[in-house]
PDB file of N, CA and C in Angstrom:
ATOM      1  N   UNK A   1       0.849  -1.199   0.023  1.00  0.00           N
ATOM      2  CA  UNK A   1      -0.018  -0.001   0.008  1.00  0.00           C
ATOM      3  C   UNK A   1       0.903   1.239   0.023  1.00  0.00           C
ATOM      4  N   UNK A   2       0.653   2.192  -0.894  1.00  0.00           N
ATOM      5  CA  UNK A   2       1.468   3.341  -1.001  1.00  0.00           C
ATOM      6  C   UNK A   2       1.194   4.311   0.205  1.00  0.00           C
ATOM      7  N   UNK A   3       2.110   5.224   0.378  1.00  0.00           N
ATOM      8  CA  UNK A   3       1.975   6.207   1.471  1.00  0.00           C
ATOM      9  C   UNK A   3       0.672   6.968   1.284  1.00  0.00           C
ATOM     10  N   UNK A   4       0.403   7.353   0.048  1.00  0.00           N
ATOM     11  CA  UNK A   4      -0.844   8.149  -0.216  1.00  0.00           C
ATOM     12  C   UNK A   4      -2.099   7.304   0.143  1.00  0.00           C
ATOM     13  N   UNK A   5      -2.072   6.012  -0.129  1.00  0.00           N
ATOM     14  CA  UNK A   5      -3.179   5.184   0.179  1.00  0.00           C
ATOM     15  C   UNK A   5      -3.346   5.003   1.728  1.00  0.00           C
ATOM     16  N   UNK A   6      -2.185   4.885   2.377  1.00  0.00           N
ATOM     17  CA  UNK A   6      -2.215   4.778   3.902  1.00  0.00           C
ATOM     18  C   UNK A   6      -2.719   6.024   4.496  1.00  0.00           C
ATOM     19  N   UNK A   7      -2.306   7.162   3.877  1.00  0.00           N
ATOM     20  CA  UNK A   7      -2.786   8.519   4.373  1.00  0.00           C
ATOM     21  C   UNK A   7      -4.270   8.620   4.232  1.00  0.00           C
ATOM     22  N   UNK A   8      -4.817   8.228   3.093  1.00  0.00           N
ATOM     23  CA  UNK A   8      -6.263   8.282   2.829  1.00  0.00           C
ATOM     24  C   UNK A   8      -7.006   7.346   3.862  1.00  0.00           C
ATOM     25  N   UNK A   9      -6.430   6.177   4.071  1.00  0.00           N
ATOM     26  CA  UNK A   9      -7.050   5.248   5.054  1.00  0.00           C
ATOM     27  C   UNK A   9      -7.060   5.806   6.480  1.00  0.00           C
ATOM     28  N   UNK A  10      -5.910   6.451   6.826  1.00  0.00           N
ATOM     29  CA  UNK A  10      -5.833   7.066   8.173  1.00  0.00           C
ATOM     30  C   UNK A  10      -6.848   8.184   8.280  1.00  0.00           C
ATOM     31  N   UNK A  11      -7.089   8.939   7.244  1.00  0.00           N
ATOM     32  CA  UNK A  11      -8.060   9.978   7.224  1.00  0.00           C
ATOM     33  C   UNK A  11      -9.469   9.450   7.509  1.00  0.00           C
ATOM     34  N   UNK A  12      -9.797   8.339   6.805  1.00  0.00           N
ATOM     35  CA  UNK A  12     -11.077   7.660   6.999  1.00  0.00           C
ATOM     36  C   UNK A  12     -11.156   7.119   8.433  1.00  0.00           C
ATOM     37  N   UNK A  13     -10.062   6.526   8.966  1.00  0.00           N
ATOM     38  CA  UNK A  13     -10.082   5.937  10.298  1.00  0.00           C
ATOM     39  C   UNK A  13     -10.240   7.119  11.333  1.00  0.00           C
ATOM     40  N   UNK A  14      -9.756   8.297  11.020  1.00  0.00           N
ATOM     41  CA  UNK A  14      -9.784   9.360  12.021  1.00  0.00           C
ATOM     42  C   UNK A  14     -11.224   9.818  12.287  1.00  0.00           C
ATOM     43  N   UNK A  15     -12.135   9.478  11.382  1.00  0.00           N
ATOM     44  CA  UNK A  15     -13.524   9.885  11.605  1.00  0.00           C
ATOM     45  C   UNK A  15     -14.275   8.898  12.485  1.00  0.00           C
ATOM     46  N   UNK A  16     -13.579   7.723  12.811  1.00  0.00           N
ATOM     47  CA  UNK A  16     -14.250   6.680  13.545  1.00  0.00           C
ATOM     48  C   UNK A  16     -13.432   6.185  14.735  1.00  0.00           C
ATOM     49  N   UNK A  17     -12.784   7.161  15.401  1.00  0.00           N
ATOM     50  CA  UNK A  17     -11.930   6.825  16.592  1.00  0.00           C
ATOM     51  C   UNK A  17     -12.844   6.380  17.713  1.00  0.00           C
ATOM     52  N   UNK A  18     -12.353   5.499  18.557  1.00  0.00           N
ATOM     53  CA  UNK A  18     -13.164   5.027  19.718  1.00  0.00           C
ATOM     54  C   UNK A  18     -13.626   6.131  20.702  1.00  0.00           C
ATOM     55  N   UNK A  19     -12.735   7.119  20.898  1.00  0.00           N
ATOM     56  CA  UNK A  19     -13.098   8.305  21.683  1.00  0.00           C
ATOM     57  C   UNK A  19     -12.538   9.546  21.153  1.00  0.00           C
ATOM     58  N   UNK A  20     -13.115  10.663  21.467  1.00  0.00           N
ATOM     59  CA  UNK A  20     -12.695  11.915  20.994  1.00  0.00           C
ATOM     60  C   UNK A  20     -11.361  12.338  21.589  1.00  0.00           C
ATOM     61  N   UNK A  21     -10.311  12.624  20.787  1.00  0.00           N
ATOM     62  CA  UNK A  21      -9.053  13.023  21.408  1.00  0.00           C
ATOM     63  C   UNK A  21      -9.155  14.369  22.056  1.00  0.00           C
ATOM     64  N   UNK A  22      -8.214  14.704  22.955  1.00  0.00           N
ATOM     65  CA  UNK A  22      -8.180  16.027  23.611  1.00  0.00           C
ATOM     66  C   UNK A  22      -7.852  17.110  22.589  1.00  0.00           C
ATOM     67  N   UNK A  23      -7.992  18.314  22.972  1.00  0.00           N
ATOM     68  CA  UNK A  23      -7.798  19.451  21.994  1.00  0.00           C
ATOM     69  C   UNK A  23      -6.396  19.554  21.422  1.00  0.00           C
ATOM     70  N   UNK A  24      -5.404  19.238  22.298  1.00  0.00           N
ATOM     71  CA  UNK A  24      -3.985  19.359  21.796  1.00  0.00           C
ATOM     72  C   UNK A  24      -3.769  18.261  20.745  1.00  0.00           C
ATOM     73  N   UNK A  25      -4.297  17.080  20.944  1.00  0.00           N
ATOM     74  CA  UNK A  25      -4.175  16.001  20.007  1.00  0.00           C
ATOM     75  C   UNK A  25      -4.928  16.354  18.714  1.00  0.00           C
ATOM     76  N   UNK A  26      -6.071  16.976  18.862  1.00  0.00           N
ATOM     77  CA  UNK A  26      -6.867  17.345  17.663  1.00  0.00           C
ATOM     78  C   UNK A  26      -6.110  18.392  16.851  1.00  0.00           C
ATOM     79  N   UNK A  27      -5.440  19.323  17.537  1.00  0.00           N
ATOM     80  CA  UNK A  27      -4.586  20.317  16.842  1.00  0.00           C
ATOM     81  C   UNK A  27      -3.475  19.631  16.071  1.00  0.00           C
ATOM     82  N   UNK A  28      -2.823  18.682  16.710  1.00  0.00           N
ATOM     83  CA  UNK A  28      -1.722  17.915  16.023  1.00  0.00           C
ATOM     84  C   UNK A  28      -2.245  17.150  14.803  1.00  0.00           C
ATOM     85  N   UNK A  29      -3.396  16.522  14.981  1.00  0.00           N
ATOM     86  CA  UNK A  29      -4.028  15.814  13.809  1.00  0.00           C
ATOM     87  C   UNK A  29      -4.261  16.741  12.690  1.00  0.00           C
ATOM     88  N   UNK A  30      -4.874  17.888  13.013  1.00  0.00           N
ATOM     89  CA  UNK A  30      -5.165  18.887  11.962  1.00  0.00           C
ATOM     90  C   UNK A  30      -3.894  19.368  11.298  1.00  0.00           C
ATOM     91  N   UNK A  31      -2.871  19.737  12.100  1.00  0.00           N
ATOM     92  CA  UNK A  31      -1.627  20.270  11.554  1.00  0.00           C
ATOM     93  C   UNK A  31      -0.922  19.266  10.639  1.00  0.00           C
ATOM     94  N   UNK A  32      -0.866  18.025  11.085  1.00  0.00           N
ATOM     95  CA  UNK A  32      -0.205  16.960  10.300  1.00  0.00           C
ATOM     96  C   UNK A  32      -0.947  16.713   9.017  1.00  0.00           C
ATOM     97  N   UNK A  33      -2.322  16.668   9.087  1.00  0.00           N
ATOM     98  CA  UNK A  33      -3.135  16.545   7.923  1.00  0.00           C
ATOM     99  C   UNK A  33      -2.833  17.675   6.856  1.00  0.00           C
ATOM    100  N   UNK A  34      -2.897  18.902   7.385  1.00  0.00           N
ATOM    101  CA  UNK A  34      -2.679  20.064   6.468  1.00  0.00           C
ATOM    102  C   UNK A  34      -1.264  20.023   5.858  1.00  0.00           C
ATOM    103  N   UNK A  35      -0.234  19.728   6.662  1.00  0.00           N
ATOM    104  CA  UNK A  35       1.075  19.691   6.197  1.00  0.00           C
ATOM    105  C   UNK A  35       1.267  18.529   5.185  1.00  0.00           C
ATOM    106  N   UNK A  36       0.600  17.424   5.443  1.00  0.00           N
ATOM    107  CA  UNK A  36       0.794  16.258   4.547  1.00  0.00           C
ATOM    108  C   UNK A  36      -0.006  16.408   3.279  1.00  0.00           C
ATOM    109  N   UNK A  37      -1.118  17.153   3.311  1.00  0.00           N
ATOM    110  CA  UNK A  37      -1.916  17.303   2.116  1.00  0.00           C
ATOM    111  C   UNK A  37      -1.605  18.489   1.292  1.00  0.00           C
ATOM    112  N   UNK A  38      -1.135  19.627   1.958  1.00  0.00           N
ATOM    113  CA  UNK A  38      -0.875  20.888   1.259  1.00  0.00           C
ATOM    114  C   UNK A  38       0.484  21.392   1.371  1.00  0.00           C
ATOM    115  N   UNK A  39       1.225  21.035   2.371  1.00  0.00           N
ATOM    116  CA  UNK A  39       2.623  21.598   2.523  1.00  0.00           C
ATOM    117  C   UNK A  39       2.578  22.646   3.580  1.00  0.00           C
ATOM    118  N   UNK A  40       3.583  23.531   3.519  1.00  0.00           N
ATOM    119  CA  UNK A  40       3.789  24.615   4.499  1.00  0.00           C
ATOM    120  C   UNK A  40       2.527  25.571   4.532  1.00  0.00           C
ATOM    121  N   UNK A  41       2.281  26.098   5.755  1.00  0.00           N
ATOM    122  CA  UNK A  41       1.116  26.993   5.950  1.00  0.00           C
ATOM    123  C   UNK A  41       1.277  28.224   5.039  1.00  0.00           C
ATOM    124  N   UNK A  42       0.164  28.612   4.502  1.00  0.00           N
ATOM    125  CA  UNK A  42       0.118  29.813   3.658  1.00  0.00           C
ATOM    126  C   UNK A  42      -1.012  30.712   4.111  1.00  0.00           C
ATOM    127  N   UNK A  43      -0.986  31.928   3.589  1.00  0.00           N
ATOM    128  CA  UNK A  43      -2.067  32.899   3.926  1.00  0.00           C
ATOM    129  C   UNK A  43      -1.776  33.647   5.221  1.00  0.00           C
ATOM    130  N   UNK A  44      -2.770  34.525   5.578  1.00  0.00           N
ATOM    131  CA  UNK A  44      -2.532  35.315   6.732  1.00  0.00           C
ATOM    132  C   UNK A  44      -3.041  34.576   7.996  1.00  0.00           C
ATOM    133  N   UNK A  45      -2.354  34.902   9.102  1.00  0.00           N
ATOM    134  CA  UNK A  45      -2.737  34.314  10.402  1.00  0.00           C
ATOM    135  C   UNK A  45      -4.083  34.924  10.840  1.00  0.00           C
ATOM    136  N   UNK A  46      -5.070  34.089  11.286  1.00  0.00           N
ATOM    137  CA  UNK A  46      -6.357  34.640  11.690  1.00  0.00           C
ATOM    138  C   UNK A  46      -6.247  35.689  12.787  1.00  0.00           C
ATOM    139  N   UNK A  47      -7.179  36.564  12.923  1.00  0.00           N
ATOM    140  CA  UNK A  47      -7.132  37.620  13.896  1.00  0.00           C
ATOM    141  C   UNK A  47      -7.297  37.085  15.352  1.00  0.00           C
ATOM    142  N   UNK A  48      -7.092  38.047  16.263  1.00  0.00           N
ATOM    143  CA  UNK A  48      -7.154  37.768  17.713  1.00  0.00           C
ATOM    144  C   UNK A  48      -8.537  37.156  18.127  1.00  0.00           C
ATOM    145  N   UNK A  49      -9.589  37.553  17.506  1.00  0.00           N
ATOM    146  CA  UNK A  49     -10.914  37.101  17.967  1.00  0.00           C
ATOM    147  C   UNK A  49     -11.247  35.707  17.442  1.00  0.00           C
ATOM    148  N   UNK A  50     -10.506  35.175  16.513  1.00  0.00           N
ATOM    149  CA  UNK A  50     -10.722  33.837  15.941  1.00  0.00           C
ATOM    150  C   UNK A  50      -9.773  32.843  16.666  1.00  0.00           C
ATOM    151  N   UNK A  51     -10.134  32.479  17.903  1.00  0.00           N
ATOM    152  CA  UNK A  51      -9.293  31.622  18.740  1.00  0.00           C
ATOM    153  C   UNK A  51      -8.959  30.292  18.073  1.00  0.00           C
ATOM    154  N   UNK A  52     -10.007  29.644  17.546  1.00  0.00           N
ATOM    155  CA  UNK A  52      -9.847  28.313  16.989  1.00  0.00           C
ATOM    156  C   UNK A  52      -9.014  28.353  15.726  1.00  0.00           C
ATOM    157  N   UNK A  53      -9.356  29.290  14.842  1.00  0.00           N
ATOM    158  CA  UNK A  53      -8.694  29.449  13.591  1.00  0.00           C
ATOM    159  C   UNK A  53      -7.188  29.773  13.817  1.00  0.00           C
ATOM    160  N   UNK A  54      -6.911  30.609  14.795  1.00  0.00           N
ATOM    161  CA  UNK A  54      -5.564  31.069  15.148  1.00  0.00           C
ATOM    162  C   UNK A  54      -4.758  29.841  15.677  1.00  0.00           C
ATOM    163  N   UNK A  55      -5.375  29.059  16.544  1.00  0.00           N
ATOM    164  CA  UNK A  55      -4.712  27.901  17.085  1.00  0.00           C
ATOM    165  C   UNK A  55      -4.402  26.855  16.054  1.00  0.00           C
ATOM    166  N   UNK A  56      -5.320  26.631  15.090  1.00  0.00           N
ATOM    167  CA  UNK A  56      -5.111  25.704  14.016  1.00  0.00           C
ATOM    168  C   UNK A  56      -3.969  26.200  13.130  1.00  0.00           C
ATOM    169  N   UNK A  57      -3.983  27.474  12.776  1.00  0.00           N
ATOM    170  CA  UNK A  57      -3.008  28.011  11.927  1.00  0.00           C
ATOM    171  C   UNK A  57      -1.624  27.896  12.566  1.00  0.00           C
ATOM    172  N   UNK A  58      -1.529  28.278  13.848  1.00  0.00           N
ATOM    173  CA  UNK A  58      -0.246  28.187  14.575  1.00  0.00           C
ATOM    174  C   UNK A  58       0.260  26.788  14.619  1.00  0.00           C
ATOM    175  N   UNK A  59      -0.601  25.806  14.848  1.00  0.00           N
ATOM    176  CA  UNK A  59      -0.187  24.395  14.884  1.00  0.00           C
ATOM    177  C   UNK A  59       0.364  23.941  13.534  1.00  0.00           C
ATOM    178  N   UNK A  60      -0.316  24.406  12.509  1.00  0.00           N
ATOM    179  CA  UNK A  60       0.120  24.045  11.138  1.00  0.00           C
ATOM    180  C   UNK A  60       1.435  24.733  10.827  1.00  0.00           C
ATOM    181  N   UNK A  61       1.554  26.041  11.152  1.00  0.00           N
ATOM    182  CA  UNK A  61       2.770  26.802  10.847  1.00  0.00           C
ATOM    183  C   UNK A  61       3.947  26.266  11.620  1.00  0.00           C
ATOM    184  N   UNK A  62       3.694  25.622  12.750  1.00  0.00           N
ATOM    185  CA  UNK A  62       4.754  25.014  13.576  1.00  0.00           C
ATOM    186  C   UNK A  62       5.410  23.826  12.894  1.00  0.00           C
ATOM    187  N   UNK A  63       4.847  23.327  11.846  1.00  0.00           N
ATOM    188  CA  UNK A  63       5.406  22.177  11.096  1.00  0.00           C
ATOM    189  C   UNK A  63       6.154  22.656   9.826  1.00  0.00           C
ATOM    190  N   UNK A  64       6.316  23.956   9.714  1.00  0.00           N
ATOM    191  CA  UNK A  64       7.035  24.480   8.501  1.00  0.00           C
ATOM    192  C   UNK A  64       8.339  23.768   8.336  1.00  0.00           C
ATOM    193  N   UNK A  65       8.598  23.393   7.064  1.00  0.00           N
ATOM    194  CA  UNK A  65       9.822  22.749   6.760  1.00  0.00           C
ATOM    195  C   UNK A  65       9.732  21.206   6.776  1.00  0.00           C
ATOM    196  N   UNK A  66       8.701  20.679   7.387  1.00  0.00           N
ATOM    197  CA  UNK A  66       8.470  19.206   7.432  1.00  0.00           C
ATOM    198  C   UNK A  66       7.987  18.763   6.038  1.00  0.00           C
ATOM    199  N   UNK A  67       8.617  17.747   5.491  1.00  0.00           N
ATOM    200  CA  UNK A  67       8.197  17.304   4.146  1.00  0.00           C
ATOM    201  C   UNK A  67       6.799  16.789   4.223  1.00  0.00           C
ATOM    202  N   UNK A  68       6.069  16.756   3.084  1.00  0.00           N
ATOM    203  CA  UNK A  68       4.744  16.219   3.049  1.00  0.00           C
ATOM    204  C   UNK A  68       4.746  14.742   3.364  1.00  0.00           C
ATOM    205  N   UNK A  69       5.796  14.025   2.902  1.00  0.00           N
ATOM    206  CA  UNK A  69       5.873  12.603   3.150  1.00  0.00           C
ATOM    207  C   UNK A  69       6.057  12.306   4.680  1.00  0.00           C
ATOM    208  N   UNK A  70       6.888  13.071   5.266  1.00  0.00           N
ATOM    209  CA  UNK A  70       7.121  12.953   6.753  1.00  0.00           C
ATOM    210  C   UNK A  70       5.866  13.235   7.569  1.00  0.00           C
ATOM    211  N   UNK A  71       5.128  14.300   7.133  1.00  0.00           N
ATOM    212  CA  UNK A  71       3.879  14.643   7.817  1.00  0.00           C
ATOM    213  C   UNK A  71       2.903  13.556   7.611  1.00  0.00           C
ATOM    214  N   UNK A  72       2.779  13.019   6.433  1.00  0.00           N
ATOM    215  CA  UNK A  72       1.832  11.927   6.162  1.00  0.00           C
ATOM    216  C   UNK A  72       2.099  10.736   7.071  1.00  0.00           C
ATOM    217  N   UNK A  73       3.395  10.311   7.151  1.00  0.00           N
ATOM    218  CA  UNK A  73       3.772   9.215   7.967  1.00  0.00           C
ATOM    219  C   UNK A  73       3.447   9.433   9.496  1.00  0.00           C
ATOM    220  N   UNK A  74       3.702  10.678   9.971  1.00  0.00           N
ATOM    221  CA  UNK A  74       3.425  10.990  11.377  1.00  0.00           C
ATOM    222  C   UNK A  74       1.889  10.989  11.600  1.00  0.00           C
ATOM    223  N   UNK A  75       1.136  11.455  10.576  1.00  0.00           N
ATOM    224  CA  UNK A  75      -0.346  11.447  10.694  1.00  0.00           C
ATOM    225  C   UNK A  75      -0.824  10.003  10.811  1.00  0.00           C
ATOM    226  N   UNK A  76      -0.284   9.148   9.913  1.00  0.00           N
ATOM    227  CA  UNK A  76      -0.668   7.733   9.910  1.00  0.00           C
ATOM    228  C   UNK A  76      -0.417   7.097  11.263  1.00  0.00           C
ATOM    229  N   UNK A  77       0.856   7.335  11.755  1.00  0.00           N
ATOM    230  CA  UNK A  77       1.246   6.773  13.031  1.00  0.00           C
ATOM    231  C   UNK A  77       0.435   7.275  14.187  1.00  0.00           C
ATOM    232  N   UNK A  78       0.077   8.526  14.206  1.00  0.00           N
ATOM    233  CA  UNK A  78      -0.734   9.129  15.231  1.00  0.00           C
ATOM    234  C   UNK A  78      -2.158   8.534  15.205  1.00  0.00           C
ATOM    235  N   UNK A  79      -2.779   8.455  14.073  1.00  0.00           N
ATOM    236  CA  UNK A  79      -4.155   7.879  14.043  1.00  0.00           C
ATOM    237  C   UNK A  79      -4.142   6.432  14.408  1.00  0.00           C
ATOM    238  N   UNK A  80      -3.081   5.696  13.944  1.00  0.00           N
ATOM    239  CA  UNK A  80      -2.954   4.233  14.375  1.00  0.00           C
ATOM    240  C   UNK A  80      -2.859   4.136  15.909  1.00  0.00           C
ATOM    241  N   UNK A  81      -2.097   4.998  16.525  1.00  0.00           N
ATOM    242  CA  UNK A  81      -1.968   4.944  18.029  1.00  0.00           C
ATOM    243  C   UNK A  81      -3.305   5.234  18.699  1.00  0.00           C
ATOM    244  N   UNK A  82      -4.119   6.098  18.113  1.00  0.00           N
ATOM    245  CA  UNK A  82      -5.384   6.529  18.691  1.00  0.00           C
ATOM    246  C   UNK A  82      -6.469   5.441  18.491  1.00  0.00           C
ATOM    247  N   UNK A  83      -6.270   4.603  17.472  1.00  0.00           N
ATOM    248  CA  UNK A  83      -7.297   3.537  17.230  1.00  0.00           C
ATOM    249  C   UNK A  83      -7.105   2.381  18.276  1.00  0.00           C
ATOM    250  N   UNK A  84      -5.936   2.167  18.763  1.00  0.00           N
ATOM    251  CA  UNK A  84      -5.628   1.027  19.657  1.00  0.00           C
ATOM    252  C   UNK A  84      -6.339   1.184  20.934  1.00  0.00           C
TER     253      UNK A  84
END
């Protein structure tokens, strides 16, 4: 199975986790997904009143320089650990 296929499977699995991860884990999941699917963060950082958007952007921007392949693998590993 290719890395892209494993990434797609992990994405599907992430929607059916046994329990909802905590907020920090959810941010990590989001950031790894965005880095793996799109690459480095782009666009403007959300404003001070958009707390959720700002946290998501900051988590994604924190992975700047991580290759898409490495982010995909980390995403796959994280989702696998949450399924167990």
